[in-house]
Amino acid sequence: MLTKISLTFGSRQILQSIIDKYPERHFKLMQTTTHTRKLALFDLSGKDTIFKSPVELSVLDETLDANLNGLFYYQSFQVNGDRQKLLYNSLQKVIEDPSDMNGGYLLSVDNKVEATTLVLLTSWKDFESLTNWQNSESFKSLKNFTSMGSDNSYYDEIYKSVF
């Protein structure tokens, strides 16, 4: 079972040099679907980060046989007060009923400033599978948390593999 995931951002040249320097790691080089020059390197080895400027995440829950192949859908949620438990329960239900996703992880951000931030990292066969899920009842349970407000912060990004 994976207990931690880290990621970092940079140019293809810099990220490729990290991949070359640490061949024993399980890396996924991904680019956003909206900006072809925005690259992220995910370290799925479960080991301590080797990145100089990492986003470090701890695994709180995962789908059975989580398989991170295909598209990644990264969703970051931050809510205040009583809504934190409601958000956690809603995200956990998504993980427990994975529908057509390849796999998924419920994560927490490992830094004091963002300690209340929860991340849902899911993997999808293709855009159609992801879009179908975004129109499902399962996704609708997250709607209260996917807009910006005074007690709510949300960010999402779709990543595809770089070959």
Protein backbone atom coordinates (compact mmCIF):
# COMPACT_ATOMS: atom_id res chain seq x y z
CA MET A 1 0.00 0.00 0.00
CA LEU A 2 1.28 3.42 -0.96
CA THR A 3 1.58 5.74 2.07
CA LYS A 4 2.87 8.92 0.44
CA ILE A 5 3.00 10.64 -2.93
CA SER A 6 5.07 13.66 -3.85
CA LEU A 7 5.10 15.84 -6.92
CA THR A 8 6.97 18.78 -8.31
CA PHE A 9 6.77 21.07 -11.31
CA GLY A 10 9.29 22.25 -13.86
CA SER A 11 10.54 22.18 -17.40
CA ARG A 12 10.77 18.92 -19.30
CA GLN A 13 14.57 19.11 -19.21
CA ILE A 14 14.75 19.51 -15.42
CA LEU A 15 12.12 16.85 -14.72
CA GLN A 16 13.75 14.41 -17.15
CA SER A 17 17.10 14.91 -15.38
CA ILE A 18 15.43 13.89 -12.09
CA ILE A 19 13.98 10.78 -13.76
CA ASP A 20 17.40 9.89 -15.16
CA LYS A 21 19.13 10.45 -11.81
CA TYR A 22 16.70 8.23 -9.86
CA PRO A 23 15.80 5.30 -12.14
CA GLU A 24 14.69 3.16 -9.17
CA ARG A 25 11.76 5.51 -8.48
CA HIS A 26 8.26 5.02 -9.86
CA PHE A 27 7.75 8.37 -11.63
CA LYS A 28 4.90 9.60 -13.83
CA LEU A 29 5.72 12.61 -15.99
CA MET A 30 2.46 14.39 -16.72
CA GLN A 31 1.33 17.55 -18.47
CA THR A 32 -1.83 19.51 -17.91
CA THR A 33 -4.48 19.23 -20.58
CA THR A 34 -4.96 23.00 -20.62
CA HIS A 35 -1.30 24.13 -20.90
CA THR A 36 1.07 21.88 -22.82
CA ARG A 37 4.11 23.48 -21.17
CA LYS A 38 2.87 22.95 -17.61
CA LEU A 39 4.54 19.73 -16.47
CA ALA A 40 4.36 17.81 -13.20
CA LEU A 41 6.43 14.87 -12.03
CA PHE A 42 4.62 12.49 -9.68
CA ASP A 43 6.74 10.22 -7.48
CA LEU A 44 4.65 7.13 -6.76
CA SER A 45 7.46 5.17 -5.09
CA GLY A 46 6.17 5.83 -1.56
CA LYS A 47 9.68 6.88 -0.48
CA ASP A 48 10.74 10.17 1.09
CA THR A 49 10.78 12.95 -1.45
CA ILE A 50 13.92 13.77 -3.39
CA PHE A 51 12.40 16.96 -4.88
CA LYS A 52 13.77 20.37 -3.85
CA SER A 53 10.32 22.03 -4.01
CA PRO A 54 7.85 19.23 -3.46
CA VAL A 55 4.16 18.99 -2.80
CA GLU A 56 4.09 16.14 -0.28
CA LEU A 57 0.91 14.17 0.27
CA SER A 58 0.00 11.45 2.77
CA VAL A 59 -2.39 8.69 1.74
CA LEU A 60 -5.51 8.57 3.91
CA ASP A 61 -7.48 6.06 1.83
CA GLU A 62 -7.32 4.38 -1.57
CA THR A 63 -9.41 2.31 -3.91
CA LEU A 64 -8.87 -1.41 -3.84
CA ASP A 65 -6.03 -2.24 -6.26
CA ALA A 66 -5.49 1.45 -7.05
CA ASN A 67 -4.06 1.70 -10.55
CA LEU A 68 -2.67 5.08 -11.55
CA ASN A 69 -2.66 4.70 -15.32
CA GLY A 70 -4.31 6.97 -17.86
CA LEU A 71 -5.45 10.50 -17.06
CA PHE A 72 -4.93 11.94 -13.59
CA TYR A 73 -7.61 14.18 -12.12
CA TYR A 74 -6.13 16.21 -9.25
CA GLN A 75 -8.66 17.96 -7.01
CA SER A 76 -7.62 20.03 -3.99
CA PHE A 77 -10.21 21.02 -1.39
CA GLN A 78 -9.86 23.25 1.63
CA VAL A 79 -12.81 24.01 3.89
CA ASN A 80 -13.16 25.48 7.35
CA GLY A 81 -14.71 24.28 10.56
CA ASP A 82 -17.51 21.75 10.66
CA ARG A 83 -17.43 21.24 6.90
CA GLN A 84 -14.06 19.46 7.12
CA LYS A 85 -15.61 16.22 8.38
CA LEU A 86 -18.42 16.42 5.80
CA LEU A 87 -15.84 16.89 3.03
CA TYR A 88 -13.74 13.98 4.30
CA ASN A 89 -16.79 11.69 4.38
CA SER A 90 -17.84 12.76 0.87
CA LEU A 91 -14.36 12.09 -0.54
CA GLN A 92 -14.16 8.75 1.22
CA LYS A 93 -17.45 7.68 -0.39
CA VAL A 94 -15.97 8.46 -3.81
CA ILE A 95 -12.97 6.24 -3.01
CA GLU A 96 -15.18 3.44 -1.66
CA ASP A 97 -17.36 3.45 -4.82
CA PRO A 98 -14.81 3.97 -7.60
CA SER A 99 -17.27 3.58 -10.54
CA ASP A 100 -15.22 3.56 -13.76
CA MET A 101 -12.02 5.04 -12.37
CA ASN A 102 -8.77 3.11 -12.74
CA GLY A 103 -7.88 4.01 -9.18
CA GLY A 104 -7.94 6.78 -6.65
CA TYR A 105 -6.32 8.16 -3.54
CA LEU A 106 -7.63 10.39 -0.77
CA LEU A 107 -4.67 12.45 0.42
CA SER A 108 -3.74 15.17 2.88
CA VAL A 109 -1.16 17.89 2.22
CA ASP A 110 1.92 17.58 4.45
CA ASN A 111 2.63 21.14 5.47
CA LYS A 112 1.32 23.20 8.38
CA VAL A 113 -0.04 26.03 6.23
CA GLU A 114 -2.21 23.65 4.21
CA ALA A 115 -2.86 21.02 6.89
CA THR A 116 -6.62 21.22 6.30
CA THR A 117 -6.28 20.63 2.55
CA LEU A 118 -7.55 17.31 1.23
CA VAL A 119 -6.67 16.03 -2.23
CA LEU A 120 -8.53 13.54 -4.37
CA LEU A 121 -6.23 12.04 -7.01
CA THR A 122 -8.11 9.79 -9.40
CA SER A 123 -7.01 8.00 -12.55
CA TRP A 124 -9.20 7.49 -15.63
CA LYS A 125 -8.97 5.46 -18.82
CA ASP A 126 -9.87 8.48 -20.97
CA PHE A 127 -11.68 11.84 -21.02
CA GLU A 128 -15.01 10.13 -21.66
CA SER A 129 -14.73 8.08 -18.46
CA LEU A 130 -13.82 11.19 -16.47
CA THR A 131 -16.64 13.23 -18.01
CA ASN A 132 -19.15 10.47 -17.28
CA TRP A 133 -18.07 10.49 -13.64
CA GLN A 134 -18.30 14.30 -13.48
CA ASN A 135 -21.96 13.92 -14.53
CA SER A 136 -22.68 11.17 -12.00
CA GLU A 137 -24.37 11.22 -8.61
CA SER A 138 -21.01 10.38 -7.00
CA PHE A 139 -19.45 13.60 -8.31
CA LYS A 140 -22.54 15.65 -7.45
CA SER A 141 -21.89 14.86 -3.79
CA LEU A 142 -18.75 17.03 -4.12
CA LYS A 143 -20.49 20.02 -5.75
CA ASN A 144 -20.77 21.94 -2.46
CA PHE A 145 -16.98 21.87 -2.23
CA THR A 146 -16.01 22.66 -5.84
CA SER A 147 -16.63 26.39 -5.83
CA MET A 148 -14.70 29.20 -4.23
CA GLY A 149 -16.21 30.91 -1.21
CA SER A 150 -15.31 32.53 2.08
CA ASP A 151 -15.10 29.12 3.77
CA ASN A 152 -14.05 27.07 0.77
CA SER A 153 -11.11 26.87 -1.62
CA TYR A 154 -10.94 24.50 -4.60
CA TYR A 155 -8.46 23.72 -7.38
CA ASP A 156 -8.51 21.03 -10.03
CA GLU A 157 -6.32 19.97 -12.92
CA ILE A 158 -6.39 17.17 -15.46
CA TYR A 159 -3.02 15.63 -16.35
CA LYS A 160 -2.12 13.32 -19.20
CA SER A 161 1.02 11.23 -19.60
CA VAL A 162 4.03 12.63 -21.41
CA PHE A 163 5.67 10.10 -23.67
